[in-house]
């Protein structure tokens, strides 16, 4: 197991989710090229919905004040998620996360190389006095990993400590967040992340 997986937080409460997709290349060099492409796609957060296809959530990268950014993601950036479902009041219709860590190891000649990006629910930066603007609590994380091992490339999303954000929120957000989180627990978020990881490794 590579160091990439050391960036996934320990599980101590709530739900766990793991979505992964694999692609094989003919040579290590072609696998490296696919890895580089998938890595750039992962950091291009605002185009994730294009990779995921019709009916998916929309994502948009912003700075810490909520201003939209037109570049690759960096540690400390935020992004909002516009789910195909009713939004939060705290997030003014959106769910917000912060990119709290990005870890990269690029080496075409090594046995493996990877990028990890870990995100965590936060308040809406445009409404910082409101509660956490996400259907999961601040303790929840998603860790996105693109990795090449020899001539195999994988893309994955690992959810940890997924607990509904239904305390210290208004009644509407409490009910909404519980319903969305229960839907995610029943596997309804799986298709979104499955579509994304497949899209990250598309070669056509």
C-alpha atoms as a PDB file:
ATOM      1  CA  UNK A   1       0.000   0.000   0.000  1.00  0.00           C
ATOM      2  CA  UNK A   2       1.411   3.387  -0.998  1.00  0.00           C
ATOM      3  CA  UNK A   3       1.753   6.507   1.108  1.00  0.00           C
ATOM      4  CA  UNK A   4      -1.299   7.898  -0.674  1.00  0.00           C
ATOM      5  CA  UNK A   5      -3.531   5.987   1.721  1.00  0.00           C
ATOM      6  CA  UNK A   6      -1.872   7.554   4.762  1.00  0.00           C
ATOM      7  CA  UNK A   7      -3.752  10.722   3.817  1.00  0.00           C
ATOM      8  CA  UNK A   8      -7.141   9.118   4.512  1.00  0.00           C
ATOM      9  CA  UNK A   9      -8.249  10.016   8.073  1.00  0.00           C
ATOM     10  CA  UNK A  10      -8.948   7.299  10.615  1.00  0.00           C
ATOM     11  CA  UNK A  11     -12.572   6.229  10.907  1.00  0.00           C
ATOM     12  CA  UNK A  12     -14.136   6.806  14.321  1.00  0.00           C
ATOM     13  CA  UNK A  13     -17.814   7.708  13.810  1.00  0.00           C
ATOM     14  CA  UNK A  14     -20.589   7.617  11.254  1.00  0.00           C
ATOM     15  CA  UNK A  15     -20.448   6.023   7.843  1.00  0.00           C
ATOM     16  CA  UNK A  16     -17.630   4.934   5.511  1.00  0.00           C
ATOM     17  CA  UNK A  17     -17.717   5.000   1.714  1.00  0.00           C
ATOM     18  CA  UNK A  18     -15.168   3.843  -0.851  1.00  0.00           C
ATOM     19  CA  UNK A  19     -15.614   4.246  -4.606  1.00  0.00           C
ATOM     20  CA  UNK A  20     -12.777   3.182  -6.929  1.00  0.00           C
ATOM     21  CA  UNK A  21     -12.211   2.684 -10.642  1.00  0.00           C
ATOM     22  CA  UNK A  22      -9.233   1.061 -12.405  1.00  0.00           C
ATOM     23  CA  UNK A  23      -7.734   1.420 -15.858  1.00  0.00           C
ATOM     24  CA  UNK A  24      -4.877  -0.603 -17.336  1.00  0.00           C
ATOM     25  CA  UNK A  25      -2.420   0.782 -19.866  1.00  0.00           C
ATOM     26  CA  UNK A  26      -0.196  -1.125 -22.256  1.00  0.00           C
ATOM     27  CA  UNK A  27       3.047   0.247 -20.833  1.00  0.00           C
ATOM     28  CA  UNK A  28       4.237   2.056 -17.744  1.00  0.00           C
ATOM     29  CA  UNK A  29       4.902   5.153 -19.855  1.00  0.00           C
ATOM     30  CA  UNK A  30       1.354   5.246 -21.221  1.00  0.00           C
ATOM     31  CA  UNK A  31       0.066   4.671 -17.688  1.00  0.00           C
ATOM     32  CA  UNK A  32       2.145   7.655 -16.571  1.00  0.00           C
ATOM     33  CA  UNK A  33       0.547   9.802 -19.285  1.00  0.00           C
ATOM     34  CA  UNK A  34      -2.931   8.713 -18.162  1.00  0.00           C
ATOM     35  CA  UNK A  35      -1.976   9.464 -14.558  1.00  0.00           C
ATOM     36  CA  UNK A  36      -0.877  12.990 -15.512  1.00  0.00           C
ATOM     37  CA  UNK A  37      -4.134  13.563 -17.406  1.00  0.00           C
ATOM     38  CA  UNK A  38      -6.260  12.265 -14.524  1.00  0.00           C
ATOM     39  CA  UNK A  39      -4.283  14.353 -12.029  1.00  0.00           C
ATOM     40  CA  UNK A  40      -4.987  17.533 -13.993  1.00  0.00           C
ATOM     41  CA  UNK A  41      -8.659  16.590 -14.263  1.00  0.00           C
ATOM     42  CA  UNK A  42      -8.830  16.062 -10.500  1.00  0.00           C
ATOM     43  CA  UNK A  43      -7.418  19.528  -9.840  1.00  0.00           C
ATOM     44  CA  UNK A  44      -9.805  21.083 -12.371  1.00  0.00           C
ATOM     45  CA  UNK A  45     -12.685  20.991  -9.873  1.00  0.00           C
ATOM     46  CA  UNK A  46     -14.971  23.357 -11.770  1.00  0.00           C
ATOM     47  CA  UNK A  47     -15.137  20.888 -14.679  1.00  0.00           C
ATOM     48  CA  UNK A  48     -15.968  17.803 -12.612  1.00  0.00           C
ATOM     49  CA  UNK A  49     -19.609  17.925 -13.702  1.00  0.00           C
ATOM     50  CA  UNK A  50     -18.457  17.725 -17.337  1.00  0.00           C
ATOM     51  CA  UNK A  51     -16.554  14.534 -16.526  1.00  0.00           C
ATOM     52  CA  UNK A  52     -19.447  13.106 -14.514  1.00  0.00           C
ATOM     53  CA  UNK A  53     -22.077  13.613 -17.179  1.00  0.00           C
ATOM     54  CA  UNK A  54     -25.761  14.627 -17.209  1.00  0.00           C
ATOM     55  CA  UNK A  55     -27.638  14.720 -13.917  1.00  0.00           C
ATOM     56  CA  UNK A  56     -24.513  15.100 -11.790  1.00  0.00           C
ATOM     57  CA  UNK A  57     -23.821  17.733  -9.169  1.00  0.00           C
ATOM     58  CA  UNK A  58     -22.070  20.919 -10.259  1.00  0.00           C
ATOM     59  CA  UNK A  59     -18.832  21.997  -8.606  1.00  0.00           C
ATOM     60  CA  UNK A  60     -17.107  25.374  -8.622  1.00  0.00           C
ATOM     61  CA  UNK A  61     -13.710  26.310  -7.188  1.00  0.00           C
ATOM     62  CA  UNK A  62     -13.505  29.488  -5.083  1.00  0.00           C
ATOM     63  CA  UNK A  63     -11.084  31.328  -2.834  1.00  0.00           C
ATOM     64  CA  UNK A  64     -11.534  31.607   0.940  1.00  0.00           C
ATOM     65  CA  UNK A  65     -13.973  34.498   0.428  1.00  0.00           C
ATOM     66  CA  UNK A  66     -16.178  32.585  -2.012  1.00  0.00           C
ATOM     67  CA  UNK A  67     -14.955  34.303  -5.200  1.00  0.00           C
ATOM     68  CA  UNK A  68     -14.880  31.904  -8.147  1.00  0.00           C
ATOM     69  CA  UNK A  69     -11.427  30.831  -9.344  1.00  0.00           C
ATOM     70  CA  UNK A  70     -10.493  29.869 -12.889  1.00  0.00           C
ATOM     71  CA  UNK A  71      -7.422  27.727 -12.264  1.00  0.00           C
ATOM     72  CA  UNK A  72      -6.326  24.380 -10.853  1.00  0.00           C
ATOM     73  CA  UNK A  73      -7.166  23.666  -7.221  1.00  0.00           C
ATOM     74  CA  UNK A  74      -4.673  24.401  -4.460  1.00  0.00           C
ATOM     75  CA  UNK A  75      -4.561  23.649  -0.758  1.00  0.00           C
ATOM     76  CA  UNK A  76      -6.727  26.135   1.119  1.00  0.00           C
ATOM     77  CA  UNK A  77      -9.159  26.711  -1.744  1.00  0.00           C
ATOM     78  CA  UNK A  78     -12.875  26.155  -1.245  1.00  0.00           C
ATOM     79  CA  UNK A  79     -15.409  24.732  -3.613  1.00  0.00           C
ATOM     80  CA  UNK A  80     -19.153  24.552  -3.570  1.00  0.00           C
ATOM     81  CA  UNK A  81     -21.365  21.671  -4.624  1.00  0.00           C
ATOM     82  CA  UNK A  82     -24.702  22.346  -6.269  1.00  0.00           C
ATOM     83  CA  UNK A  83     -26.543  19.084  -5.670  1.00  0.00           C
ATOM     84  CA  UNK A  84     -29.493  18.063  -7.859  1.00  0.00           C
ATOM     85  CA  UNK A  85     -31.611  18.432  -4.689  1.00  0.00           C
ATOM     86  CA  UNK A  86     -32.859  21.235  -2.399  1.00  0.00           C
ATOM     87  CA  UNK A  87     -29.948  23.278  -1.028  1.00  0.00           C
ATOM     88  CA  UNK A  88     -29.049  24.560   2.432  1.00  0.00           C
ATOM     89  CA  UNK A  89     -30.121  27.895   3.845  1.00  0.00           C
ATOM     90  CA  UNK A  90     -26.692  28.252   5.521  1.00  0.00           C
ATOM     91  CA  UNK A  91     -25.000  27.735   2.156  1.00  0.00           C
ATOM     92  CA  UNK A  92     -27.553  29.817   0.255  1.00  0.00           C
ATOM     93  CA  UNK A  93     -28.505  26.763  -1.749  1.00  0.00           C
ATOM     94  CA  UNK A  94     -25.032  25.198  -1.903  1.00  0.00           C
ATOM     95  CA  UNK A  95     -22.865  22.755   0.052  1.00  0.00           C
ATOM     96  CA  UNK A  96     -19.333  23.996   0.800  1.00  0.00           C
ATOM     97  CA  UNK A  97     -15.993  22.272   1.472  1.00  0.00           C
ATOM     98  CA  UNK A  98     -12.395  23.356   1.954  1.00  0.00           C
ATOM     99  CA  UNK A  99      -9.444  21.603   0.304  1.00  0.00           C
ATOM    100  CA  UNK A 100      -7.419  21.020   3.442  1.00  0.00           C
ATOM    101  CA  UNK A 101      -4.619  19.027   1.862  1.00  0.00           C
ATOM    102  CA  UNK A 102      -3.119  18.121  -1.519  1.00  0.00           C
ATOM    103  CA  UNK A 103      -0.224  15.665  -1.651  1.00  0.00           C
ATOM    104  CA  UNK A 104       1.538  14.806  -4.912  1.00  0.00           C
ATOM    105  CA  UNK A 105       4.291  12.405  -5.913  1.00  0.00           C
ATOM    106  CA  UNK A 106       5.196  12.410  -9.626  1.00  0.00           C
ATOM    107  CA  UNK A 107       7.836  10.052 -10.927  1.00  0.00           C
ATOM    108  CA  UNK A 108       7.422   8.373 -14.313  1.00  0.00           C
ATOM    109  CA  UNK A 109      10.195   5.894 -13.541  1.00  0.00           C
ATOM    110  CA  UNK A 110       9.044   4.898 -10.069  1.00  0.00           C
ATOM    111  CA  UNK A 111       6.897   1.883  -9.288  1.00  0.00           C
ATOM    112  CA  UNK A 112       4.078   4.193  -8.220  1.00  0.00           C
ATOM    113  CA  UNK A 113       3.022   7.849  -8.190  1.00  0.00           C
ATOM    114  CA  UNK A 114      -0.074   9.544  -6.843  1.00  0.00           C
ATOM    115  CA  UNK A 115      -2.022  12.658  -5.952  1.00  0.00           C
ATOM    116  CA  UNK A 116      -4.394  12.911  -2.993  1.00  0.00           C
ATOM    117  CA  UNK A 117      -6.822  15.731  -2.278  1.00  0.00           C
ATOM    118  CA  UNK A 118      -8.735  15.796   1.012  1.00  0.00           C
ATOM    119  CA  UNK A 119     -11.787  18.002   1.519  1.00  0.00           C
ATOM    120  CA  UNK A 120     -13.890  18.818   4.587  1.00  0.00           C
ATOM    121  CA  UNK A 121     -17.273  20.554   5.066  1.00  0.00           C
ATOM    122  CA  UNK A 122     -17.089  24.212   6.107  1.00  0.00           C
ATOM    123  CA  UNK A 123     -19.248  27.303   6.461  1.00  0.00           C
ATOM    124  CA  UNK A 124     -20.269  29.271   3.412  1.00  0.00           C
ATOM    125  CA  UNK A 125     -17.399  31.798   3.093  1.00  0.00           C
ATOM    126  CA  UNK A 126     -19.948  34.399   1.985  1.00  0.00           C
ATOM    127  CA  UNK A 127     -21.993  33.761   5.148  1.00  0.00           C
ATOM    128  CA  UNK A 128     -19.334  32.906   7.770  1.00  0.00           C
ATOM    129  CA  UNK A 129     -21.578  33.440  10.794  1.00  0.00           C
ATOM    130  CA  UNK A 130     -23.971  30.701   9.657  1.00  0.00           C
ATOM    131  CA  UNK A 131     -23.553  26.992  10.566  1.00  0.00           C
ATOM    132  CA  UNK A 132     -21.571  24.496   8.485  1.00  0.00           C
ATOM    133  CA  UNK A 133     -23.037  24.602   4.982  1.00  0.00           C
ATOM    134  CA  UNK A 134     -23.022  20.919   4.069  1.00  0.00           C
ATOM    135  CA  UNK A 135     -25.203  17.893   4.715  1.00  0.00           C
ATOM    136  CA  UNK A 136     -22.334  16.278   6.668  1.00  0.00           C
ATOM    137  CA  UNK A 137     -20.507  17.607   9.727  1.00  0.00           C
ATOM    138  CA  UNK A 138     -17.086  19.256   9.811  1.00  0.00           C
ATOM    139  CA  UNK A 139     -15.592  15.945  11.019  1.00  0.00           C
ATOM    140  CA  UNK A 140     -16.515  14.266   7.727  1.00  0.00           C
ATOM    141  CA  UNK A 141     -13.957  14.052   4.918  1.00  0.00           C
ATOM    142  CA  UNK A 142     -13.663  12.935   1.325  1.00  0.00           C
ATOM    143  CA  UNK A 143     -10.211  11.963   0.103  1.00  0.00           C
ATOM    144  CA  UNK A 144      -9.765  11.834  -3.671  1.00  0.00           C
ATOM    145  CA  UNK A 145      -6.850   9.705  -4.900  1.00  0.00           C
ATOM    146  CA  UNK A 146      -5.432   9.180  -8.373  1.00  0.00           C
ATOM    147  CA  UNK A 147      -2.604   6.663  -8.371  1.00  0.00           C
ATOM    148  CA  UNK A 148      -0.429   4.807 -10.850  1.00  0.00           C
ATOM    149  CA  UNK A 149       1.125   1.489  -9.885  1.00  0.00           C
ATOM    150  CA  UNK A 150       3.294   0.068 -12.689  1.00  0.00           C
ATOM    151  CA  UNK A 151       0.950   0.175 -15.713  1.00  0.00           C
ATOM    152  CA  UNK A 152      -2.279   0.332 -13.675  1.00  0.00           C
ATOM    153  CA  UNK A 153      -4.039   3.614 -12.849  1.00  0.00           C
ATOM    154  CA  UNK A 154      -6.798   4.059 -10.295  1.00  0.00           C
ATOM    155  CA  UNK A 155      -9.092   6.875  -9.235  1.00  0.00           C
ATOM    156  CA  UNK A 156     -10.956   6.742  -5.938  1.00  0.00           C
ATOM    157  CA  UNK A 157     -13.052   8.684  -3.431  1.00  0.00           C
ATOM    158  CA  UNK A 158     -12.845   7.624   0.210  1.00  0.00           C
ATOM    159  CA  UNK A 159     -15.446   9.044   2.616  1.00  0.00           C
ATOM    160  CA  UNK A 160     -14.776   8.864   6.358  1.00  0.00           C
ATOM    161  CA  UNK A 161     -16.696   9.858   9.502  1.00  0.00           C
ATOM    162  CA  UNK A 162     -19.830  10.712   7.518  1.00  0.00           C
ATOM    163  CA  UNK A 163     -22.327  12.045  10.074  1.00  0.00           C
ATOM    164  CA  UNK A 164     -25.469  14.060   9.168  1.00  0.00           C
ATOM    165  CA  UNK A 165     -25.104  17.763   9.945  1.00  0.00           C
ATOM    166  CA  UNK A 166     -28.388  18.132  11.816  1.00  0.00           C
ATOM    167  CA  UNK A 167     -27.360  19.764  15.106  1.00  0.00           C
ATOM    168  CA  UNK A 168     -26.838  23.494  15.664  1.00  0.00           C
ATOM    169  CA  UNK A 169     -28.562  24.222  12.362  1.00  0.00           C
ATOM    170  CA  UNK A 170     -31.962  25.673  11.646  1.00  0.00           C
ATOM    171  CA  UNK A 171     -34.938  23.343  11.373  1.00  0.00           C
ATOM    172  CA  UNK A 172     -35.040  23.415   7.569  1.00  0.00           C
ATOM    173  CA  UNK A 173     -31.319  22.670   7.199  1.00  0.00           C
ATOM    174  CA  UNK A 174     -31.492  20.007   9.907  1.00  0.00           C
ATOM    175  CA  UNK A 175     -34.267  18.133   8.087  1.00  0.00           C
ATOM    176  CA  UNK A 176     -32.716  18.689   4.651  1.00  0.00           C
ATOM    177  CA  UNK A 177     -29.240  17.576   5.767  1.00  0.00           C
ATOM    178  CA  UNK A 178     -30.624  14.456   7.454  1.00  0.00           C
ATOM    179  CA  UNK A 179     -32.551  13.465   4.310  1.00  0.00           C
ATOM    180  CA  UNK A 180     -29.552  14.062   1.990  1.00  0.00           C
ATOM    181  CA  UNK A 181     -27.173  12.241   4.354  1.00  0.00           C
ATOM    182  CA  UNK A 182     -29.530   9.269   4.645  1.00  0.00           C
ATOM    183  CA  UNK A 183     -29.730   9.180   0.873  1.00  0.00           C
ATOM    184  CA  UNK A 184     -25.933   9.175   0.703  1.00  0.00           C
ATOM    185  CA  UNK A 185     -25.830   6.378   3.292  1.00  0.00           C
ATOM    186  CA  UNK A 186     -28.164   4.323   1.126  1.00  0.00           C
ATOM    187  CA  UNK A 187     -25.744   4.644  -1.762  1.00  0.00           C
ATOM    188  CA  UNK A 188     -27.249   7.611  -3.584  1.00  0.00           C
ATOM    189  CA  UNK A 189     -23.933   9.510  -3.545  1.00  0.00           C
ATOM    190  CA  UNK A 190     -22.180   6.469  -4.985  1.00  0.00           C
ATOM    191  CA  UNK A 191     -23.298   7.118  -8.590  1.00  0.00           C
ATOM    192  CA  UNK A 192     -21.961  10.700  -8.414  1.00  0.00           C
ATOM    193  CA  UNK A 193     -18.519   9.613  -7.253  1.00  0.00           C
ATOM    194  CA  UNK A 194     -18.541   6.570  -9.548  1.00  0.00           C
ATOM    195  CA  UNK A 195     -19.263   8.822 -12.524  1.00  0.00           C
ATOM    196  CA  UNK A 196     -16.432  11.144 -11.450  1.00  0.00           C
ATOM    197  CA  UNK A 197     -13.770   8.457 -10.987  1.00  0.00           C
ATOM    198  CA  UNK A 198     -14.717   6.870 -14.332  1.00  0.00           C
ATOM    199  CA  UNK A 199     -14.533  10.306 -15.942  1.00  0.00           C
ATOM    200  CA  UNK A 200     -11.108  11.003 -14.459  1.00  0.00           C
ATOM    201  CA  UNK A 201      -9.682   7.954 -16.249  1.00  0.00           C
ATOM    202  CA  UNK A 202     -11.476   8.341 -19.582  1.00  0.00           C
ATOM    203  CA  UNK A 203      -9.082   7.964 -22.515  1.00  0.00           C
ATOM    204  CA  UNK A 204     -11.332   8.770 -25.474  1.00  0.00           C
END
